[in-house]
C-alpha cells in the first residue's frame, strides 16, 4: 500500500487551541495493508490517539524497532520510519513548538513518547478514541483540540515564553535558514540567554532546533504536505547528495552533513528492504 492510498484528513484547531496546535489530522489504514512513512523532525511536538493495530517505529541509524501508539512526544531531533499494518486509525495534533511549555510540561524530553494522559484526561482520551473508532474524524479532532485547550492557563504562563515566541516564529518562517546568534540579536537577547531558554522550554539547544526545521523544510519542499513516503525522502536525499554541493552548503540548507545524509539514506533503505543507490 502506498502513502497516497492512506486516508488523510486535516482539521483546523477549535477555539482556544490556536496558541497550542498548528493543525489536527486523522490518518486511516485499511485492513490487510502495510504502509511506511517517514516522520520528520520538524520542530513541533505531537499528541497522538491511536486505535486498531499498533504501529512500529524503526530508527534508521540503529534499525531498532519500538512500538508506536497513543502518546505525547516533544520535539524530534531525527527522522524515523513508521511501519503500520491495518486496520488502524490515528488522530494527531501537531503542536506549536512552545505548546508543551505553555501547558506546564517542564523540561520536555525530545524523541521520547510519554503517555497521552500527560496532556489529556483519561475521559478526553477515551472520548477521542471512541469517536475515532466510530469513524467520526471531525468530532475526534474537535475533542482532542478542546481537551488541550481546556488544560491551557494563559495567566500562569512563564513570561519568558512571550519573549521566545518571535524567535520561534522567525525560525519556522525562515525554514531554519538563520543563525542562532542572528536570531538572538534580532530579539534583543544575549546568545547565552537564548540558549538557556530554548533548552528549558523546547528541550533542545538552538542549533539542534534549527537543524530539525531545516531538514523538514528541505524534505517538504520536495514531497509536499501530508504523510511522507520513504521513497520520496530517499529520492530527495539522493538528488541532493549527487548534486555535489559544497559540504558547508549541504549542511546549511538541509541541517545535516553529507555523511549524515548518506547514513540516513542507507538506514531508510535498510528499514524498507530497498537497495541503496537506485
C-alpha atoms as a PDB file:
ATOM      1  CA  UNK A   1       0.000   0.000   0.000  1.00  0.00           C
ATOM      2  CA  UNK A   2       1.355   3.460  -0.836  1.00  0.00           C
ATOM      3  CA  UNK A   3       1.020   6.580   1.282  1.00  0.00           C
ATOM      4  CA  UNK A   4      -1.153   8.030  -1.484  1.00  0.00           C
ATOM      5  CA  UNK A   5      -3.784   5.388  -0.670  1.00  0.00           C
ATOM      6  CA  UNK A   6      -3.864   6.173   3.047  1.00  0.00           C
ATOM      7  CA  UNK A   7      -6.901   8.157   4.155  1.00  0.00           C
ATOM      8  CA  UNK A   8      -5.546  11.505   5.394  1.00  0.00           C
ATOM      9  CA  UNK A   9      -7.671  14.407   6.636  1.00  0.00           C
ATOM     10  CA  UNK A  10      -6.516  17.688   8.143  1.00  0.00           C
ATOM     11  CA  UNK A  11      -8.511  19.900  10.520  1.00  0.00           C
ATOM     12  CA  UNK A  12      -8.270  23.441  11.891  1.00  0.00           C
ATOM     13  CA  UNK A  13      -7.901  23.689  15.697  1.00  0.00           C
ATOM     14  CA  UNK A  14     -11.045  24.648  17.646  1.00  0.00           C
ATOM     15  CA  UNK A  15     -11.318  27.966  19.527  1.00  0.00           C
ATOM     16  CA  UNK A  16      -8.916  28.167  22.451  1.00  0.00           C
ATOM     17  CA  UNK A  17      -6.395  25.783  20.899  1.00  0.00           C
ATOM     18  CA  UNK A  18      -4.806  28.035  18.276  1.00  0.00           C
ATOM     19  CA  UNK A  19      -1.885  29.015  20.523  1.00  0.00           C
ATOM     20  CA  UNK A  20      -1.187  25.340  21.166  1.00  0.00           C
ATOM     21  CA  UNK A  21      -1.997  23.436  17.980  1.00  0.00           C
ATOM     22  CA  UNK A  22      -0.727  24.071  14.460  1.00  0.00           C
ATOM     23  CA  UNK A  23      -3.225  21.639  12.949  1.00  0.00           C
ATOM     24  CA  UNK A  24      -5.060  18.372  13.651  1.00  0.00           C
ATOM     25  CA  UNK A  25      -5.130  15.319  11.409  1.00  0.00           C
ATOM     26  CA  UNK A  26      -6.586  11.830  11.082  1.00  0.00           C
ATOM     27  CA  UNK A  27      -4.892   9.016   9.164  1.00  0.00           C
ATOM     28  CA  UNK A  28      -6.673   5.728   8.391  1.00  0.00           C
ATOM     29  CA  UNK A  29      -5.048   2.450   7.332  1.00  0.00           C
ATOM     30  CA  UNK A  30      -7.437  -0.177   5.859  1.00  0.00           C
ATOM     31  CA  UNK A  31      -7.365  -3.803   6.995  1.00  0.00           C
ATOM     32  CA  UNK A  32      -4.904  -6.125   5.300  1.00  0.00           C
ATOM     33  CA  UNK A  33      -2.440  -3.373   4.338  1.00  0.00           C
ATOM     34  CA  UNK A  34       1.121  -2.479   5.347  1.00  0.00           C
ATOM     35  CA  UNK A  35       2.394   1.058   4.845  1.00  0.00           C
ATOM     36  CA  UNK A  36       5.544   3.009   5.647  1.00  0.00           C
ATOM     37  CA  UNK A  37       6.163   6.699   6.137  1.00  0.00           C
ATOM     38  CA  UNK A  38       8.985   8.878   7.413  1.00  0.00           C
ATOM     39  CA  UNK A  39       8.259  11.006  10.477  1.00  0.00           C
ATOM     40  CA  UNK A  40      10.205  14.239  10.109  1.00  0.00           C
ATOM     41  CA  UNK A  41      11.938  16.199  12.890  1.00  0.00           C
ATOM     42  CA  UNK A  42      10.057  19.410  12.085  1.00  0.00           C
ATOM     43  CA  UNK A  43      10.486  21.372  15.310  1.00  0.00           C
ATOM     44  CA  UNK A  44       6.979  20.563  16.590  1.00  0.00           C
ATOM     45  CA  UNK A  45       5.735  18.325  19.366  1.00  0.00           C
ATOM     46  CA  UNK A  46       2.926  15.847  18.802  1.00  0.00           C
ATOM     47  CA  UNK A  47      -0.071  14.311  20.554  1.00  0.00           C
ATOM     48  CA  UNK A  48      -1.498  11.086  19.087  1.00  0.00           C
ATOM     49  CA  UNK A  49      -4.545   8.975  19.942  1.00  0.00           C
ATOM     50  CA  UNK A  50      -4.442   5.639  18.101  1.00  0.00           C
ATOM     51  CA  UNK A  51      -6.903   2.768  17.702  1.00  0.00           C
ATOM     52  CA  UNK A  52      -6.530  -0.568  15.951  1.00  0.00           C
ATOM     53  CA  UNK A  53      -3.269  -2.354  15.211  1.00  0.00           C
ATOM     54  CA  UNK A  54      -0.282  -0.649  16.908  1.00  0.00           C
ATOM     55  CA  UNK A  55       2.407   0.743  14.643  1.00  0.00           C
ATOM     56  CA  UNK A  56       6.187   0.372  14.872  1.00  0.00           C
ATOM     57  CA  UNK A  57       8.959   2.965  14.793  1.00  0.00           C
ATOM     58  CA  UNK A  58      12.216   1.969  13.088  1.00  0.00           C
ATOM     59  CA  UNK A  59      15.301   4.071  13.871  1.00  0.00           C
ATOM     60  CA  UNK A  60      17.156   4.326  10.521  1.00  0.00           C
ATOM     61  CA  UNK A  61      20.542   4.645  12.217  1.00  0.00           C
ATOM     62  CA  UNK A  62      20.232   1.598  14.509  1.00  0.00           C
ATOM     63  CA  UNK A  63      17.318  -0.351  12.949  1.00  0.00           C
ATOM     64  CA  UNK A  64      15.881  -0.587  16.463  1.00  0.00           C
ATOM     65  CA  UNK A  65      12.127  -1.268  16.384  1.00  0.00           C
ATOM     66  CA  UNK A  66       9.856   0.164  19.103  1.00  0.00           C
ATOM     67  CA  UNK A  67       6.046   0.046  19.452  1.00  0.00           C
ATOM     68  CA  UNK A  68       4.103   3.160  18.479  1.00  0.00           C
ATOM     69  CA  UNK A  69       0.606   4.046  19.603  1.00  0.00           C
ATOM     70  CA  UNK A  70      -1.083   6.797  21.594  1.00  0.00           C
ATOM     71  CA  UNK A  71       1.214   9.256  23.323  1.00  0.00           C
ATOM     72  CA  UNK A  72       2.815  12.675  23.667  1.00  0.00           C
ATOM     73  CA  UNK A  73       6.177  13.484  22.092  1.00  0.00           C
ATOM     74  CA  UNK A  74       8.332  16.558  22.402  1.00  0.00           C
ATOM     75  CA  UNK A  75      10.394  17.909  19.526  1.00  0.00           C
ATOM     76  CA  UNK A  76      12.019  15.174  17.462  1.00  0.00           C
ATOM     77  CA  UNK A  77      15.689  15.530  16.518  1.00  0.00           C
ATOM     78  CA  UNK A  78      15.921  12.779  13.891  1.00  0.00           C
ATOM     79  CA  UNK A  79      13.842  11.147  11.180  1.00  0.00           C
ATOM     80  CA  UNK A  80      12.114   7.839  11.975  1.00  0.00           C
ATOM     81  CA  UNK A  81      10.495   5.285   9.672  1.00  0.00           C
ATOM     82  CA  UNK A  82       6.991   4.330  10.765  1.00  0.00           C
ATOM     83  CA  UNK A  83       5.524   0.949   9.784  1.00  0.00           C
ATOM     84  CA  UNK A  84       1.780   0.423  10.100  1.00  0.00           C
ATOM     85  CA  UNK A  85      -0.452  -2.591   9.496  1.00  0.00           C
ATOM     86  CA  UNK A  86      -4.171  -2.089   9.124  1.00  0.00           C
ATOM     87  CA  UNK A  87      -6.768  -1.826  10.351  1.00  0.00           C
ATOM     88  CA  UNK A  88      -5.731   1.245  12.298  1.00  0.00           C
ATOM     89  CA  UNK A  89      -6.576   4.914  12.696  1.00  0.00           C
ATOM     90  CA  UNK A  90      -4.571   7.720  14.279  1.00  0.00           C
ATOM     91  CA  UNK A  91      -5.675  11.142  15.437  1.00  0.00           C
ATOM     92  CA  UNK A  92      -2.906  13.692  15.865  1.00  0.00           C
ATOM     93  CA  UNK A  93      -2.322  17.254  16.982  1.00  0.00           C
ATOM     94  CA  UNK A  94       0.828  18.880  15.656  1.00  0.00           C
ATOM     95  CA  UNK A  95       1.771  21.162  18.498  1.00  0.00           C
ATOM     96  CA  UNK A  96       3.240  24.630  18.367  1.00  0.00           C
ATOM     97  CA  UNK A  97       6.915  24.360  19.405  1.00  0.00           C
ATOM     98  CA  UNK A  98       6.110  26.207  22.653  1.00  0.00           C
ATOM     99  CA  UNK A  99       2.889  24.297  23.386  1.00  0.00           C
ATOM    100  CA  UNK A 100       4.358  21.850  25.905  1.00  0.00           C
ATOM    101  CA  UNK A 101       5.881  24.718  27.876  1.00  0.00           C
ATOM    102  CA  UNK A 102       2.577  26.609  27.738  1.00  0.00           C
ATOM    103  CA  UNK A 103       0.802  23.526  29.049  1.00  0.00           C
ATOM    104  CA  UNK A 104       3.146  23.256  32.014  1.00  0.00           C
ATOM    105  CA  UNK A 105       5.348  20.371  30.856  1.00  0.00           C
ATOM    106  CA  UNK A 106       8.685  21.207  32.456  1.00  0.00           C
ATOM    107  CA  UNK A 107      11.877  20.354  30.577  1.00  0.00           C
ATOM    108  CA  UNK A 108      10.227  18.418  27.712  1.00  0.00           C
ATOM    109  CA  UNK A 109      12.179  15.353  26.599  1.00  0.00           C
ATOM    110  CA  UNK A 110      12.807  15.025  22.874  1.00  0.00           C
ATOM    111  CA  UNK A 111      12.409  11.840  20.822  1.00  0.00           C
ATOM    112  CA  UNK A 112      10.596  10.071  23.662  1.00  0.00           C
ATOM    113  CA  UNK A 113       6.915   9.197  23.693  1.00  0.00           C
ATOM    114  CA  UNK A 114       5.144   9.741  27.023  1.00  0.00           C
ATOM    115  CA  UNK A 115       1.618   8.552  27.913  1.00  0.00           C
ATOM    116  CA  UNK A 116      -1.163  10.522  26.238  1.00  0.00           C
ATOM    117  CA  UNK A 117      -2.535  11.239  29.724  1.00  0.00           C
ATOM    118  CA  UNK A 118       0.444  13.582  30.151  1.00  0.00           C
ATOM    119  CA  UNK A 119      -1.744  16.185  28.431  1.00  0.00           C
ATOM    120  CA  UNK A 120      -5.238  14.676  28.201  1.00  0.00           C
ATOM    121  CA  UNK A 121      -7.537  13.475  30.953  1.00  0.00           C
ATOM    122  CA  UNK A 122      -8.445   9.769  30.719  1.00  0.00           C
ATOM    123  CA  UNK A 123     -12.023  10.787  29.884  1.00  0.00           C
ATOM    124  CA  UNK A 124     -10.971  13.011  26.956  1.00  0.00           C
ATOM    125  CA  UNK A 125      -8.511  10.396  25.644  1.00  0.00           C
ATOM    126  CA  UNK A 126     -11.240   7.742  25.775  1.00  0.00           C
ATOM    127  CA  UNK A 127     -13.764  10.024  24.041  1.00  0.00           C
ATOM    128  CA  UNK A 128     -11.239  10.753  21.254  1.00  0.00           C
ATOM    129  CA  UNK A 129     -10.589   7.047  20.788  1.00  0.00           C
ATOM    130  CA  UNK A 130     -14.316   6.233  20.730  1.00  0.00           C
ATOM    131  CA  UNK A 131     -15.042   8.910  18.099  1.00  0.00           C
ATOM    132  CA  UNK A 132     -12.074   7.731  16.038  1.00  0.00           C
ATOM    133  CA  UNK A 133     -13.193   4.114  16.296  1.00  0.00           C
ATOM    134  CA  UNK A 134     -16.681   5.143  15.153  1.00  0.00           C
ATOM    135  CA  UNK A 135     -15.312   6.925  12.087  1.00  0.00           C
ATOM    136  CA  UNK A 136     -16.248  10.377  13.400  1.00  0.00           C
ATOM    137  CA  UNK A 137     -12.982  12.046  12.428  1.00  0.00           C
ATOM    138  CA  UNK A 138     -14.035  15.675  12.743  1.00  0.00           C
ATOM    139  CA  UNK A 139     -15.592  15.045  16.156  1.00  0.00           C
ATOM    140  CA  UNK A 140     -12.423  13.253  17.293  1.00  0.00           C
ATOM    141  CA  UNK A 141     -10.251  16.173  16.153  1.00  0.00           C
ATOM    142  CA  UNK A 142     -12.527  18.671  17.901  1.00  0.00           C
ATOM    143  CA  UNK A 143     -12.370  16.652  21.128  1.00  0.00           C
ATOM    144  CA  UNK A 144      -8.567  16.478  21.038  1.00  0.00           C
ATOM    145  CA  UNK A 145      -8.151  20.181  20.348  1.00  0.00           C
ATOM    146  CA  UNK A 146     -10.716  21.046  23.005  1.00  0.00           C
ATOM    147  CA  UNK A 147      -9.061  18.765  25.544  1.00  0.00           C
ATOM    148  CA  UNK A 148      -5.724  20.542  25.059  1.00  0.00           C
ATOM    149  CA  UNK A 149      -7.376  23.971  25.216  1.00  0.00           C
ATOM    150  CA  UNK A 150      -9.106  23.041  28.491  1.00  0.00           C
ATOM    151  CA  UNK A 151      -5.713  22.452  30.093  1.00  0.00           C
ATOM    152  CA  UNK A 152      -4.284  25.802  28.959  1.00  0.00           C
ATOM    153  CA  UNK A 153      -3.947  28.512  31.636  1.00  0.00           C
ATOM    154  CA  UNK A 154      -2.591  31.669  29.927  1.00  0.00           C
ATOM    155  CA  UNK A 155      -2.459  33.579  33.218  1.00  0.00           C
ATOM    156  CA  UNK A 156       0.028  31.031  34.602  1.00  0.00           C
ATOM    157  CA  UNK A 157       2.326  31.137  31.556  1.00  0.00           C
ATOM    158  CA  UNK A 158       6.035  31.746  32.107  1.00  0.00           C
ATOM    159  CA  UNK A 159       6.698  35.365  30.938  1.00  0.00           C
ATOM    160  CA  UNK A 160       9.838  34.304  29.088  1.00  0.00           C
ATOM    161  CA  UNK A 161       7.647  32.454  26.569  1.00  0.00           C
ATOM    162  CA  UNK A 162       6.327  35.779  25.229  1.00  0.00           C
ATOM    163  CA  UNK A 163       9.916  36.839  24.539  1.00  0.00           C
ATOM    164  CA  UNK A 164      10.753  33.484  22.964  1.00  0.00           C
ATOM    165  CA  UNK A 165       7.665  33.468  20.708  1.00  0.00           C
ATOM    166  CA  UNK A 166       9.065  35.810  17.997  1.00  0.00           C
ATOM    167  CA  UNK A 167      12.295  33.786  17.942  1.00  0.00           C
ATOM    168  CA  UNK A 168      10.399  30.560  17.252  1.00  0.00           C
ATOM    169  CA  UNK A 169       8.257  32.265  14.597  1.00  0.00           C
ATOM    170  CA  UNK A 170      11.347  33.583  12.788  1.00  0.00           C
ATOM    171  CA  UNK A 171      12.959  30.140  12.766  1.00  0.00           C
ATOM    172  CA  UNK A 172       9.831  28.496  11.338  1.00  0.00           C
ATOM    173  CA  UNK A 173       9.110  31.220   8.784  1.00  0.00           C
ATOM    174  CA  UNK A 174      12.714  31.166   7.535  1.00  0.00           C
ATOM    175  CA  UNK A 175      12.735  27.332   7.339  1.00  0.00           C
ATOM    176  CA  UNK A 176      15.589  27.380   9.843  1.00  0.00           C
ATOM    177  CA  UNK A 177      17.896  29.234   7.433  1.00  0.00           C
ATOM    178  CA  UNK A 178      19.152  31.644  10.094  1.00  0.00           C
ATOM    179  CA  UNK A 179      21.905  31.554  12.696  1.00  0.00           C
ATOM    180  CA  UNK A 180      21.044  31.372  16.376  1.00  0.00           C
ATOM    181  CA  UNK A 181      23.277  34.378  17.060  1.00  0.00           C
ATOM    182  CA  UNK A 182      21.379  36.481  14.484  1.00  0.00           C
ATOM    183  CA  UNK A 183      18.040  35.389  15.922  1.00  0.00           C
ATOM    184  CA  UNK A 184      19.195  36.310  19.429  1.00  0.00           C
ATOM    185  CA  UNK A 185      20.400  39.715  18.240  1.00  0.00           C
ATOM    186  CA  UNK A 186      17.121  40.396  16.452  1.00  0.00           C
ATOM    187  CA  UNK A 187      15.170  39.566  19.607  1.00  0.00           C
ATOM    188  CA  UNK A 188      17.430  41.706  21.793  1.00  0.00           C
ATOM    189  CA  UNK A 189      18.647  38.677  23.754  1.00  0.00           C
ATOM    190  CA  UNK A 190      22.111  37.571  24.759  1.00  0.00           C
ATOM    191  CA  UNK A 191      23.158  34.364  22.990  1.00  0.00           C
ATOM    192  CA  UNK A 192      23.557  32.625  26.360  1.00  0.00           C
ATOM    193  CA  UNK A 193      20.068  33.687  27.432  1.00  0.00           C
ATOM    194  CA  UNK A 194      18.534  32.426  24.202  1.00  0.00           C
ATOM    195  CA  UNK A 195      20.352  29.097  24.574  1.00  0.00           C
ATOM    196  CA  UNK A 196      19.137  28.666  28.155  1.00  0.00           C
ATOM    197  CA  UNK A 197      15.514  29.496  27.343  1.00  0.00           C
ATOM    198  CA  UNK A 198      15.374  27.269  24.254  1.00  0.00           C
ATOM    199  CA  UNK A 199      16.843  24.318  26.160  1.00  0.00           C
ATOM    200  CA  UNK A 200      14.447  24.894  29.058  1.00  0.00           C
ATOM    201  CA  UNK A 201      11.266  25.340  27.016  1.00  0.00           C
ATOM    202  CA  UNK A 202      11.902  23.275  23.858  1.00  0.00           C
ATOM    203  CA  UNK A 203      14.174  20.598  25.291  1.00  0.00           C
ATOM    204  CA  UNK A 204      16.942  21.090  22.693  1.00  0.00           C
ATOM    205  CA  UNK A 205      19.770  23.530  22.008  1.00  0.00           C
ATOM    206  CA  UNK A 206      19.036  26.287  19.442  1.00  0.00           C
ATOM    207  CA  UNK A 207      21.304  24.743  16.792  1.00  0.00           C
ATOM    208  CA  UNK A 208      19.501  21.390  17.135  1.00  0.00           C
ATOM    209  CA  UNK A 209      16.141  23.131  16.730  1.00  0.00           C
ATOM    210  CA  UNK A 210      17.410  24.961  13.640  1.00  0.00           C
ATOM    211  CA  UNK A 211      18.794  21.749  12.104  1.00  0.00           C
ATOM    212  CA  UNK A 212      15.491  19.899  12.614  1.00  0.00           C
ATOM    213  CA  UNK A 213      13.485  22.687  10.974  1.00  0.00           C
ATOM    214  CA  UNK A 214      15.944  22.887   8.059  1.00  0.00           C
ATOM    215  CA  UNK A 215      15.786  19.168   7.379  1.00  0.00           C
ATOM    216  CA  UNK A 216      11.993  19.062   7.489  1.00  0.00           C
ATOM    217  CA  UNK A 217      11.715  22.100   5.201  1.00  0.00           C
ATOM    218  CA  UNK A 218      14.205  20.539   2.768  1.00  0.00           C
ATOM    219  CA  UNK A 219      12.152  17.329   2.548  1.00  0.00           C
ATOM    220  CA  UNK A 220       8.755  19.078   2.486  1.00  0.00           C
ATOM    221  CA  UNK A 221       9.912  21.242  -0.407  1.00  0.00           C
ATOM    222  CA  UNK A 222      10.383  18.013  -2.366  1.00  0.00           C
ATOM    223  CA  UNK A 223       7.390  15.937  -1.191  1.00  0.00           C
ATOM    224  CA  UNK A 224       4.660  18.384  -0.095  1.00  0.00           C
ATOM    225  CA  UNK A 225       2.249  18.118   2.888  1.00  0.00           C
ATOM    226  CA  UNK A 226       0.717  15.020   4.471  1.00  0.00           C
ATOM    227  CA  UNK A 227       2.261  11.604   5.158  1.00  0.00           C
ATOM    228  CA  UNK A 228       5.783  11.318   3.748  1.00  0.00           C
ATOM    229  CA  UNK A 229       6.658   8.330   1.565  1.00  0.00           C
ATOM    230  CA  UNK A 230      10.102   6.893   2.363  1.00  0.00           C
ATOM    231  CA  UNK A 231      10.804   6.526  -1.359  1.00  0.00           C
ATOM    232  CA  UNK A 232      10.326  10.276  -1.791  1.00  0.00           C
ATOM    233  CA  UNK A 233      12.695  11.030   1.088  1.00  0.00           C
ATOM    234  CA  UNK A 234      15.281   8.707  -0.435  1.00  0.00           C
ATOM    235  CA  UNK A 235      14.856  10.451  -3.773  1.00  0.00           C
ATOM    236  CA  UNK A 236      15.296  13.914  -2.248  1.00  0.00           C
ATOM    237  CA  UNK A 237      18.399  12.881  -0.302  1.00  0.00           C
ATOM    238  CA  UNK A 238      19.980  11.085  -3.269  1.00  0.00           C
ATOM    239  CA  UNK A 239      19.370  14.027  -5.568  1.00  0.00           C
ATOM    240  CA  UNK A 240      20.974  16.448  -3.104  1.00  0.00           C
ATOM    241  CA  UNK A 241      23.939  14.195  -2.360  1.00  0.00           C
ATOM    242  CA  UNK A 242      24.592  13.570  -6.061  1.00  0.00           C
ATOM    243  CA  UNK A 243      24.327  17.275  -6.918  1.00  0.00           C
ATOM    244  CA  UNK A 244      27.832  17.704  -5.426  1.00  0.00           C
ATOM    245  CA  UNK A 245      27.109  20.893  -3.498  1.00  0.00           C
ATOM    246  CA  UNK A 246      29.930  22.095  -1.202  1.00  0.00           C
ATOM    247  CA  UNK A 247      29.664  20.342   2.210  1.00  0.00           C
ATOM    248  CA  UNK A 248      29.011  23.612   4.044  1.00  0.00           C
ATOM    249  CA  UNK A 249      26.123  24.424   1.716  1.00  0.00           C
ATOM    250  CA  UNK A 250      24.621  20.964   2.213  1.00  0.00           C
ATOM    251  CA  UNK A 251      24.580  21.359   5.988  1.00  0.00           C
ATOM    252  CA  UNK A 252      23.351  24.930   5.761  1.00  0.00           C
ATOM    253  CA  UNK A 253      20.281  24.006   3.686  1.00  0.00           C
ATOM    254  CA  UNK A 254      19.453  20.503   4.962  1.00  0.00           C
ATOM    255  CA  UNK A 255      20.539  20.719   8.603  1.00  0.00           C
ATOM    256  CA  UNK A 256      22.729  17.629   8.152  1.00  0.00           C
ATOM    257  CA  UNK A 257      26.197  16.937   6.834  1.00  0.00           C
ATOM    258  CA  UNK A 258      26.814  14.859   3.715  1.00  0.00           C
ATOM    259  CA  UNK A 259      27.902  11.960   5.902  1.00  0.00           C
ATOM    260  CA  UNK A 260      24.735  12.200   7.998  1.00  0.00           C
ATOM    261  CA  UNK A 261      22.546  12.329   4.882  1.00  0.00           C
ATOM    262  CA  UNK A 262      24.258   9.234   3.462  1.00  0.00           C
ATOM    263  CA  UNK A 263      23.814   7.327   6.741  1.00  0.00           C
ATOM    264  CA  UNK A 264      20.156   8.319   6.830  1.00  0.00           C
ATOM    265  CA  UNK A 265      19.716   7.248   3.203  1.00  0.00           C
ATOM    266  CA  UNK A 266      21.218   3.829   3.917  1.00  0.00           C
ATOM    267  CA  UNK A 267      19.180   3.445   7.103  1.00  0.00           C
ATOM    268  CA  UNK A 268      15.829   4.297   5.493  1.00  0.00           C
ATOM    269  CA  UNK A 269      16.593   1.967   2.595  1.00  0.00           C
ATOM    270  CA  UNK A 270      17.512  -0.834   5.030  1.00  0.00           C
ATOM    271  CA  UNK A 271      14.321  -0.279   7.035  1.00  0.00           C
ATOM    272  CA  UNK A 272      12.355  -0.724   3.799  1.00  0.00           C
ATOM    273  CA  UNK A 273      14.490  -3.572   2.462  1.00  0.00           C
ATOM    274  CA  UNK A 274      15.368  -1.371  -0.512  1.00  0.00           C
ATOM    275  CA  UNK A 275      18.713  -1.407  -2.290  1.00  0.00           C
ATOM    276  CA  UNK A 276      20.660   1.836  -1.842  1.00  0.00           C
ATOM    277  CA  UNK A 277      21.692   3.670  -4.964  1.00  0.00           C
ATOM    278  CA  UNK A 278      18.553   3.076  -7.048  1.00  0.00           C
END
